[in-house]
N, C-alpha and C. Protein backbone atom coordinates (compact mmCIF):
# COMPACT_ATOMS: atom_id res chain seq x y z
N MET A 1 48.34 -228.37 -97.41
CA MET A 1 48.72 -227.18 -96.68
C MET A 1 50.19 -227.26 -96.26
N LEU A 2 50.64 -228.47 -95.90
CA LEU A 2 52.02 -228.65 -95.48
C LEU A 2 52.98 -228.33 -96.61
N TYR A 3 52.68 -228.81 -97.82
CA TYR A 3 53.53 -228.49 -98.97
C TYR A 3 53.58 -226.99 -99.23
N LYS A 4 52.44 -226.32 -99.10
CA LYS A 4 52.39 -224.88 -99.32
C LYS A 4 53.25 -224.16 -98.29
N GLN A 5 53.20 -224.62 -97.03
CA GLN A 5 53.99 -224.00 -95.97
C GLN A 5 55.48 -224.24 -96.20
N ILE A 6 55.83 -225.46 -96.56
CA ILE A 6 57.24 -225.79 -96.79
C ILE A 6 57.81 -224.99 -97.94
N LEU A 7 57.05 -224.93 -99.04
CA LEU A 7 57.53 -224.26 -100.25
C LEU A 7 57.23 -222.77 -100.26
N GLU A 8 56.54 -222.28 -99.23
CA GLU A 8 56.23 -220.86 -99.07
C GLU A 8 55.50 -220.31 -100.29
N VAL A 9 54.41 -220.99 -100.70
CA VAL A 9 53.58 -220.55 -101.82
C VAL A 9 52.13 -220.58 -101.39
N GLN A 10 51.30 -219.84 -102.11
CA GLN A 10 49.86 -219.83 -101.85
C GLN A 10 49.16 -220.97 -102.59
N ASP A 11 49.72 -221.38 -103.73
CA ASP A 11 49.11 -222.40 -104.57
C ASP A 11 50.22 -223.29 -105.13
N LEU A 12 50.04 -224.59 -105.07
CA LEU A 12 51.07 -225.51 -105.58
C LEU A 12 51.28 -225.37 -107.09
N LYS A 13 50.34 -224.74 -107.78
CA LYS A 13 50.52 -224.50 -109.22
C LYS A 13 51.68 -223.56 -109.48
N GLU A 14 52.08 -222.78 -108.47
CA GLU A 14 53.20 -221.85 -108.59
C GLU A 14 54.55 -222.57 -108.57
N VAL A 15 54.58 -223.82 -108.13
CA VAL A 15 55.82 -224.57 -107.94
C VAL A 15 56.12 -225.40 -109.19
N ASP A 16 57.36 -225.31 -109.68
CA ASP A 16 57.72 -226.14 -110.83
C ASP A 16 57.84 -227.60 -110.38
N THR A 17 57.70 -228.51 -111.32
CA THR A 17 57.64 -229.93 -110.98
C THR A 17 58.94 -230.45 -110.39
N ILE A 18 60.08 -229.92 -110.80
CA ILE A 18 61.36 -230.38 -110.26
C ILE A 18 61.46 -230.05 -108.77
N THR A 19 61.07 -228.83 -108.41
CA THR A 19 61.11 -228.43 -107.00
C THR A 19 60.17 -229.31 -106.17
N LEU A 20 58.98 -229.55 -106.69
CA LEU A 20 58.02 -230.39 -105.98
C LEU A 20 58.54 -231.82 -105.86
N PHE A 21 59.12 -232.35 -106.93
CA PHE A 21 59.69 -233.69 -106.91
C PHE A 21 60.82 -233.79 -105.88
N ASN A 22 61.70 -232.79 -105.83
CA ASN A 22 62.80 -232.80 -104.86
C ASN A 22 62.27 -232.77 -103.43
N CYS A 23 61.15 -232.11 -103.22
CA CYS A 23 60.54 -232.05 -101.89
C CYS A 23 60.03 -233.43 -101.46
N LEU A 24 59.70 -234.27 -102.42
CA LEU A 24 59.16 -235.59 -102.12
C LEU A 24 60.23 -236.65 -101.93
N LYS A 25 61.47 -236.36 -102.31
CA LYS A 25 62.55 -237.35 -102.19
C LYS A 25 62.77 -237.71 -100.72
N PRO A 26 63.16 -238.97 -100.46
CA PRO A 26 63.46 -239.35 -99.08
C PRO A 26 64.57 -238.48 -98.50
N ASP A 27 64.47 -238.19 -97.23
CA ASP A 27 65.44 -237.38 -96.49
C ASP A 27 65.55 -235.97 -97.04
N GLN A 28 64.50 -235.47 -97.64
CA GLN A 28 64.51 -234.10 -98.13
C GLN A 28 63.66 -233.24 -97.21
N LEU A 29 63.29 -232.10 -97.68
CA LEU A 29 62.65 -231.09 -96.86
C LEU A 29 61.38 -231.58 -96.16
N LEU A 30 60.49 -232.25 -96.87
CA LEU A 30 59.23 -232.67 -96.26
C LEU A 30 59.45 -233.65 -95.12
N GLU A 31 60.34 -234.63 -95.33
CA GLU A 31 60.59 -235.64 -94.31
C GLU A 31 61.15 -235.02 -93.04
N ARG A 32 61.94 -233.97 -93.16
CA ARG A 32 62.59 -233.35 -92.01
C ARG A 32 61.81 -232.17 -91.45
N PHE A 33 60.71 -231.81 -92.08
CA PHE A 33 59.97 -230.63 -91.67
C PHE A 33 59.47 -230.73 -90.23
N ALA A 34 58.90 -231.87 -89.87
CA ALA A 34 58.35 -232.02 -88.51
C ALA A 34 59.45 -231.83 -87.46
N TYR A 35 60.63 -232.40 -87.72
CA TYR A 35 61.74 -232.23 -86.78
C TYR A 35 62.12 -230.76 -86.65
N ARG A 36 62.26 -230.10 -87.78
CA ARG A 36 62.69 -228.70 -87.75
C ARG A 36 61.64 -227.81 -87.11
N LYS A 37 60.38 -228.11 -87.36
CA LYS A 37 59.30 -227.33 -86.75
C LYS A 37 59.34 -227.51 -85.24
N GLN A 38 59.52 -228.74 -84.78
CA GLN A 38 59.58 -229.03 -83.36
C GLN A 38 60.78 -228.34 -82.73
N ALA A 39 61.89 -228.31 -83.44
CA ALA A 39 63.12 -227.70 -82.91
C ALA A 39 63.10 -226.18 -83.02
N GLY A 40 62.02 -225.63 -83.57
CA GLY A 40 61.92 -224.17 -83.67
C GLY A 40 62.75 -223.61 -84.80
N MET A 41 63.01 -224.44 -85.80
CA MET A 41 63.92 -224.02 -86.86
C MET A 41 63.19 -223.61 -88.13
N ASN A 42 61.88 -223.51 -88.12
CA ASN A 42 61.21 -223.19 -89.37
C ASN A 42 60.69 -221.76 -89.38
N SER A 43 61.31 -220.88 -88.62
CA SER A 43 60.86 -219.50 -88.67
C SER A 43 60.97 -218.99 -90.10
N GLN A 44 60.15 -218.03 -90.41
CA GLN A 44 60.04 -217.60 -91.80
C GLN A 44 61.40 -217.16 -92.35
N HIS A 45 61.73 -217.71 -93.52
CA HIS A 45 62.97 -217.40 -94.24
C HIS A 45 64.22 -217.71 -93.42
N LYS A 46 64.19 -218.70 -92.57
CA LYS A 46 65.35 -219.08 -91.77
C LYS A 46 66.30 -219.88 -92.64
N ASP A 47 67.54 -219.46 -92.71
CA ASP A 47 68.55 -220.15 -93.48
C ASP A 47 69.48 -220.87 -92.53
N PHE A 48 69.97 -222.00 -92.94
CA PHE A 48 70.83 -222.78 -92.07
C PHE A 48 72.28 -222.69 -92.49
N ILE A 49 72.54 -222.67 -93.77
CA ILE A 49 73.91 -222.56 -94.26
C ILE A 49 73.94 -221.41 -95.26
N LYS A 50 74.88 -220.51 -95.08
CA LYS A 50 75.04 -219.41 -96.02
C LYS A 50 76.45 -219.46 -96.58
N LEU A 51 76.58 -219.13 -97.83
CA LEU A 51 77.87 -219.10 -98.48
C LEU A 51 78.12 -217.68 -98.93
N LYS A 52 79.27 -217.15 -98.67
CA LYS A 52 79.56 -215.77 -99.00
C LYS A 52 80.79 -215.71 -99.90
N GLY A 53 80.62 -215.13 -101.06
CA GLY A 53 81.76 -214.83 -101.93
C GLY A 53 82.30 -213.48 -101.53
N SER A 54 83.54 -213.21 -101.87
CA SER A 54 84.10 -211.91 -101.54
C SER A 54 84.19 -211.06 -102.79
N LYS A 55 84.17 -209.76 -102.63
CA LYS A 55 84.22 -208.87 -103.79
C LYS A 55 85.56 -208.98 -104.50
N GLY A 56 86.65 -209.13 -103.76
CA GLY A 56 87.96 -209.35 -104.35
C GLY A 56 88.14 -210.83 -104.61
N GLN A 57 87.59 -211.33 -105.72
CA GLN A 57 87.47 -212.75 -105.89
C GLN A 57 88.80 -213.45 -106.15
N VAL A 58 89.68 -212.90 -106.94
CA VAL A 58 90.92 -213.59 -107.26
C VAL A 58 92.06 -212.90 -106.56
N GLU A 59 92.83 -213.66 -105.82
CA GLU A 59 93.90 -213.10 -105.02
C GLU A 59 95.15 -213.95 -105.14
N SER A 60 96.27 -213.39 -104.74
CA SER A 60 97.53 -214.12 -104.85
C SER A 60 97.99 -214.68 -103.51
N SER A 61 97.30 -214.40 -102.44
CA SER A 61 97.66 -214.94 -101.13
C SER A 61 96.38 -215.22 -100.34
N VAL A 62 96.53 -215.70 -99.12
CA VAL A 62 95.38 -216.09 -98.32
C VAL A 62 94.63 -214.89 -97.75
N LYS A 63 95.27 -213.75 -97.59
CA LYS A 63 94.60 -212.58 -97.01
C LYS A 63 93.48 -212.08 -97.90
N ASN A 64 92.54 -211.36 -97.31
CA ASN A 64 91.42 -210.81 -98.08
C ASN A 64 91.90 -209.69 -98.98
N VAL A 65 91.40 -209.67 -100.20
CA VAL A 65 91.75 -208.64 -101.17
C VAL A 65 90.47 -207.93 -101.56
N GLN A 66 90.48 -206.63 -101.61
CA GLN A 66 89.27 -205.89 -101.92
C GLN A 66 89.17 -205.48 -103.39
N ASN A 67 90.19 -205.74 -104.19
CA ASN A 67 90.15 -205.36 -105.60
C ASN A 67 89.34 -206.37 -106.39
N GLU A 68 88.42 -205.86 -107.20
CA GLU A 68 87.59 -206.74 -108.00
C GLU A 68 88.41 -207.24 -109.19
N ASN A 69 88.29 -208.54 -109.49
CA ASN A 69 89.00 -209.13 -110.62
C ASN A 69 88.22 -208.83 -111.89
N ASP A 70 88.92 -208.46 -112.97
CA ASP A 70 88.22 -208.10 -114.20
C ASP A 70 88.06 -209.27 -115.16
N ILE A 71 88.43 -210.50 -114.74
CA ILE A 71 88.30 -211.66 -115.63
C ILE A 71 87.23 -212.62 -115.13
N VAL A 72 87.27 -213.03 -113.87
CA VAL A 72 86.27 -213.95 -113.32
C VAL A 72 85.69 -213.40 -112.03
N GLY A 73 84.50 -213.87 -111.71
CA GLY A 73 83.86 -213.48 -110.46
C GLY A 73 82.64 -214.35 -110.21
N PHE A 74 82.05 -214.22 -109.05
CA PHE A 74 80.85 -214.97 -108.71
C PHE A 74 79.65 -214.32 -109.38
N LYS A 75 78.74 -215.15 -109.89
CA LYS A 75 77.49 -214.62 -110.45
C LYS A 75 76.66 -213.99 -109.35
N CYS A 76 76.71 -214.60 -108.17
CA CYS A 76 76.00 -214.09 -106.99
C CYS A 76 76.98 -214.15 -105.82
N LEU A 77 77.04 -213.09 -105.01
CA LEU A 77 77.99 -213.07 -103.90
C LEU A 77 77.47 -213.76 -102.64
N HIS A 78 76.17 -214.00 -102.54
CA HIS A 78 75.61 -214.64 -101.36
C HIS A 78 74.61 -215.71 -101.78
N TYR A 79 74.76 -216.89 -101.23
CA TYR A 79 73.83 -217.99 -101.43
C TYR A 79 73.35 -218.43 -100.06
N SER A 80 72.08 -218.79 -99.94
CA SER A 80 71.55 -219.34 -98.70
C SER A 80 70.79 -220.61 -99.02
N VAL A 81 71.08 -221.67 -98.26
CA VAL A 81 70.38 -222.93 -98.45
C VAL A 81 70.09 -223.54 -97.09
N THR A 82 69.09 -224.42 -97.05
CA THR A 82 68.85 -225.19 -95.84
C THR A 82 69.73 -226.43 -95.90
N GLU A 83 70.01 -227.00 -94.77
CA GLU A 83 70.83 -228.22 -94.73
C GLU A 83 70.22 -229.32 -95.59
N SER A 84 68.90 -229.39 -95.61
CA SER A 84 68.24 -230.47 -96.33
C SER A 84 68.40 -230.37 -97.84
N ASN A 85 68.87 -229.24 -98.36
CA ASN A 85 69.12 -229.13 -99.80
C ASN A 85 70.20 -230.11 -100.24
N GLY A 86 71.15 -230.39 -99.37
CA GLY A 86 72.21 -231.34 -99.71
C GLY A 86 73.40 -230.73 -100.41
N THR A 87 73.18 -229.73 -101.24
CA THR A 87 74.28 -229.05 -101.92
C THR A 87 73.90 -227.59 -102.16
N VAL A 88 74.90 -226.79 -102.44
CA VAL A 88 74.67 -225.43 -102.93
C VAL A 88 75.41 -225.33 -104.25
N GLU A 89 74.69 -224.90 -105.29
CA GLU A 89 75.31 -224.74 -106.61
C GLU A 89 75.82 -223.31 -106.74
N VAL A 90 77.11 -223.18 -107.04
CA VAL A 90 77.76 -221.88 -107.16
C VAL A 90 78.12 -221.67 -108.63
N THR A 91 77.88 -220.46 -109.12
CA THR A 91 78.19 -220.13 -110.50
C THR A 91 79.27 -219.06 -110.56
N ILE A 92 80.30 -219.33 -111.35
CA ILE A 92 81.38 -218.38 -111.59
C ILE A 92 81.25 -217.94 -113.04
N VAL A 93 81.36 -216.66 -113.29
CA VAL A 93 81.27 -216.13 -114.65
C VAL A 93 82.62 -215.57 -115.08
N LYS A 94 82.90 -215.74 -116.38
CA LYS A 94 84.14 -215.19 -116.97
C LYS A 94 83.74 -214.03 -117.85
N LYS A 95 84.44 -212.91 -117.70
CA LYS A 95 84.06 -211.67 -118.37
C LYS A 95 84.80 -211.43 -119.68
N ARG A 96 85.86 -212.20 -119.93
CA ARG A 96 86.64 -212.03 -121.17
C ARG A 96 86.74 -213.34 -121.92
N LYS A 97 86.92 -213.26 -123.23
CA LYS A 97 87.04 -214.47 -124.06
C LYS A 97 88.52 -214.87 -124.16
N ILE A 98 89.05 -215.37 -123.03
CA ILE A 98 90.42 -215.88 -122.98
C ILE A 98 90.42 -217.16 -122.16
N ASP A 99 91.45 -217.99 -122.36
CA ASP A 99 91.64 -219.13 -121.46
C ASP A 99 92.13 -218.56 -120.13
N TYR A 100 91.58 -219.07 -119.02
CA TYR A 100 91.98 -218.53 -117.72
C TYR A 100 91.97 -219.64 -116.69
N THR A 101 93.07 -219.76 -115.95
CA THR A 101 93.21 -220.78 -114.91
C THR A 101 93.24 -220.09 -113.54
N PHE A 102 92.47 -220.64 -112.61
CA PHE A 102 92.40 -220.07 -111.27
C PHE A 102 92.03 -221.17 -110.29
N GLY A 103 92.17 -220.88 -109.01
CA GLY A 103 91.83 -221.84 -107.96
C GLY A 103 90.53 -221.48 -107.29
N ILE A 104 89.86 -222.52 -106.78
CA ILE A 104 88.62 -222.37 -106.01
C ILE A 104 88.84 -223.11 -104.70
N ARG A 105 88.57 -222.45 -103.58
CA ARG A 105 88.68 -223.12 -102.28
C ARG A 105 87.64 -222.57 -101.31
N THR A 106 87.21 -223.45 -100.43
CA THR A 106 86.28 -223.05 -99.38
C THR A 106 87.08 -222.60 -98.16
N LYS A 107 86.44 -221.79 -97.35
CA LYS A 107 87.09 -221.25 -96.15
C LYS A 107 86.09 -221.26 -95.01
N ASP A 108 86.46 -221.88 -93.90
CA ASP A 108 85.59 -221.93 -92.73
C ASP A 108 85.32 -220.54 -92.18
N MET A 109 84.10 -220.35 -91.75
CA MET A 109 83.73 -219.17 -90.96
C MET A 109 83.01 -219.75 -89.74
N THR A 110 81.73 -219.48 -89.56
CA THR A 110 81.02 -220.13 -88.46
C THR A 110 80.67 -221.57 -88.80
N ALA A 111 80.55 -221.88 -90.10
CA ALA A 111 80.39 -223.27 -90.55
C ALA A 111 81.79 -223.84 -90.73
N THR A 112 81.98 -225.09 -90.30
CA THR A 112 83.29 -225.72 -90.42
C THR A 112 83.18 -227.03 -91.19
N ALA A 113 84.22 -227.29 -91.95
CA ALA A 113 84.29 -228.56 -92.69
C ALA A 113 85.03 -229.56 -91.81
N PRO A 114 84.71 -230.80 -91.85
CA PRO A 114 83.66 -231.48 -92.61
C PRO A 114 82.34 -231.59 -91.86
N LYS A 115 82.22 -230.96 -90.70
CA LYS A 115 81.00 -231.07 -89.89
C LYS A 115 79.78 -230.47 -90.58
N ASP A 116 79.95 -229.31 -91.25
CA ASP A 116 78.81 -228.60 -91.83
C ASP A 116 78.76 -228.65 -93.35
N TYR A 117 79.91 -228.79 -94.00
CA TYR A 117 79.97 -228.84 -95.46
C TYR A 117 81.26 -229.55 -95.85
N GLN A 118 81.35 -229.95 -97.12
CA GLN A 118 82.57 -230.61 -97.59
C GLN A 118 83.44 -229.57 -98.29
N THR A 119 84.74 -229.62 -97.99
CA THR A 119 85.65 -228.63 -98.54
C THR A 119 85.81 -228.79 -100.05
N GLU A 120 86.19 -227.71 -100.65
CA GLU A 120 86.48 -227.67 -102.08
C GLU A 120 87.83 -226.98 -102.22
N ASP A 121 88.73 -227.57 -102.96
CA ASP A 121 90.03 -226.94 -103.23
C ASP A 121 90.55 -227.52 -104.53
N LYS A 122 90.39 -226.77 -105.60
CA LYS A 122 90.79 -227.28 -106.91
C LYS A 122 91.23 -226.14 -107.81
N ILE A 123 91.97 -226.53 -108.83
CA ILE A 123 92.41 -225.61 -109.87
C ILE A 123 91.58 -225.90 -111.11
N VAL A 124 91.00 -224.87 -111.71
CA VAL A 124 90.17 -225.05 -112.89
C VAL A 124 90.65 -224.12 -114.00
N THR A 125 90.37 -224.53 -115.23
CA THR A 125 90.66 -223.70 -116.40
C THR A 125 89.38 -223.50 -117.17
N MET A 126 89.06 -222.26 -117.40
CA MET A 126 87.92 -221.93 -118.25
C MET A 126 88.47 -221.57 -119.62
N LYS A 127 87.97 -222.24 -120.64
CA LYS A 127 88.41 -221.99 -122.01
C LYS A 127 87.84 -220.67 -122.51
N ALA A 128 88.37 -220.18 -123.61
CA ALA A 128 87.98 -218.87 -124.15
C ALA A 128 86.47 -218.78 -124.38
N ASN A 129 85.84 -219.85 -124.84
CA ASN A 129 84.40 -219.81 -125.13
C ASN A 129 83.52 -220.09 -123.91
N ASP A 130 84.12 -220.50 -122.79
CA ASP A 130 83.34 -220.74 -121.58
C ASP A 130 82.91 -219.41 -120.96
N ILE A 131 81.63 -219.33 -120.63
CA ILE A 131 81.10 -218.11 -120.01
C ILE A 131 80.86 -218.33 -118.53
N GLU A 132 80.34 -219.52 -118.17
CA GLU A 132 80.03 -219.83 -116.79
C GLU A 132 80.63 -221.17 -116.38
N LEU A 133 80.95 -221.28 -115.11
CA LEU A 133 81.38 -222.54 -114.52
C LEU A 133 80.51 -222.76 -113.29
N LYS A 134 79.80 -223.89 -113.26
CA LYS A 134 78.97 -224.22 -112.11
C LYS A 134 79.58 -225.41 -111.38
N PHE A 135 79.56 -225.35 -110.06
CA PHE A 135 80.01 -226.48 -109.26
C PHE A 135 79.19 -226.53 -107.98
N ASN A 136 79.13 -227.70 -107.37
CA ASN A 136 78.34 -227.91 -106.16
C ASN A 136 79.24 -228.10 -104.96
N VAL A 137 78.83 -227.52 -103.85
CA VAL A 137 79.49 -227.76 -102.57
C VAL A 137 78.50 -228.56 -101.73
N PRO A 138 78.86 -229.81 -101.36
CA PRO A 138 77.95 -230.63 -100.54
C PRO A 138 77.76 -230.04 -99.13
N ILE A 139 76.51 -230.03 -98.69
CA ILE A 139 76.15 -229.53 -97.36
C ILE A 139 75.77 -230.74 -96.50
N VAL A 140 76.28 -230.80 -95.27
CA VAL A 140 76.00 -231.91 -94.36
C VAL A 140 74.68 -231.64 -93.65
N ASP A 141 73.75 -232.57 -93.77
CA ASP A 141 72.44 -232.45 -93.14
C ASP A 141 72.43 -233.36 -91.92
N ASP A 142 72.50 -232.77 -90.73
CA ASP A 142 72.50 -233.56 -89.50
C ASP A 142 71.25 -233.25 -88.68
N GLU A 143 71.08 -233.96 -87.60
CA GLU A 143 69.89 -233.80 -86.75
C GLU A 143 70.07 -232.72 -85.69
N GLU A 144 71.26 -232.16 -85.59
CA GLU A 144 71.57 -231.18 -84.56
C GLU A 144 71.03 -229.80 -84.92
N TRP A 145 70.34 -229.15 -83.97
CA TRP A 145 69.90 -227.78 -84.21
C TRP A 145 71.08 -226.85 -84.13
N GLU A 146 71.18 -225.93 -85.07
CA GLU A 146 72.24 -224.93 -85.08
C GLU A 146 71.66 -223.62 -85.58
N PRO A 147 72.24 -222.51 -85.17
CA PRO A 147 71.83 -221.23 -85.76
C PRO A 147 72.36 -221.15 -87.19
N ASP A 148 72.06 -220.08 -87.89
CA ASP A 148 72.59 -219.89 -89.23
C ASP A 148 74.11 -219.95 -89.19
N LEU A 149 74.69 -220.62 -90.19
CA LEU A 149 76.13 -220.76 -90.28
C LEU A 149 76.62 -220.23 -91.62
N ASP A 150 77.86 -219.74 -91.65
CA ASP A 150 78.44 -219.18 -92.87
C ASP A 150 79.76 -219.86 -93.20
N PHE A 151 80.04 -219.97 -94.50
CA PHE A 151 81.37 -220.28 -94.96
C PHE A 151 81.61 -219.49 -96.23
N ALA A 152 82.84 -219.42 -96.67
CA ALA A 152 83.19 -218.60 -97.83
C ALA A 152 83.83 -219.46 -98.91
N ILE A 153 83.76 -218.95 -100.12
CA ILE A 153 84.50 -219.53 -101.24
C ILE A 153 85.39 -218.45 -101.79
N GLU A 154 86.65 -218.79 -101.99
CA GLU A 154 87.61 -217.83 -102.54
C GLU A 154 88.05 -218.30 -103.91
N LEU A 155 88.22 -217.35 -104.82
CA LEU A 155 88.85 -217.60 -106.11
C LEU A 155 90.24 -216.99 -105.99
N TYR A 156 91.26 -217.73 -106.43
CA TYR A 156 92.62 -217.24 -106.25
C TYR A 156 93.50 -217.65 -107.42
N ASP A 157 94.60 -216.92 -107.58
CA ASP A 157 95.59 -217.26 -108.59
C ASP A 157 96.41 -218.42 -108.07
N PRO A 158 96.47 -219.54 -108.82
CA PRO A 158 97.23 -220.70 -108.34
C PRO A 158 98.74 -220.46 -108.39
């Protein structure tokens, strides 16, 4: 019953083996469930860390840009993970068959680095045949209760 509650399913047959295996790893969701339940943190669909991409993904300065880039963008603009996930995998898609170089950086919002997540700041090049680029942002899993926290990832012209 505990696994069903943690994984939010009616039957464990609905869960793929990788998800179930990850739940069994030390210091993962199952091990921390009792703490989170006691701390009142297991309300239905409660997210602990959220990542928000912006619609104007590629920009030439630090200010927010609302124009959508026609070459690269986020596959999904919003990701939500629990701290116990350890990382959030972000996917960037390229819309044209050209070589393209751009920067990726994280930006503090209510979540701050390095307390809540590890920063990312790098320049990447996607080759003409590359369609997607996936990368992970490490999430810090601590014992402190916190409300939902947000941080952003920006794509920018280097």
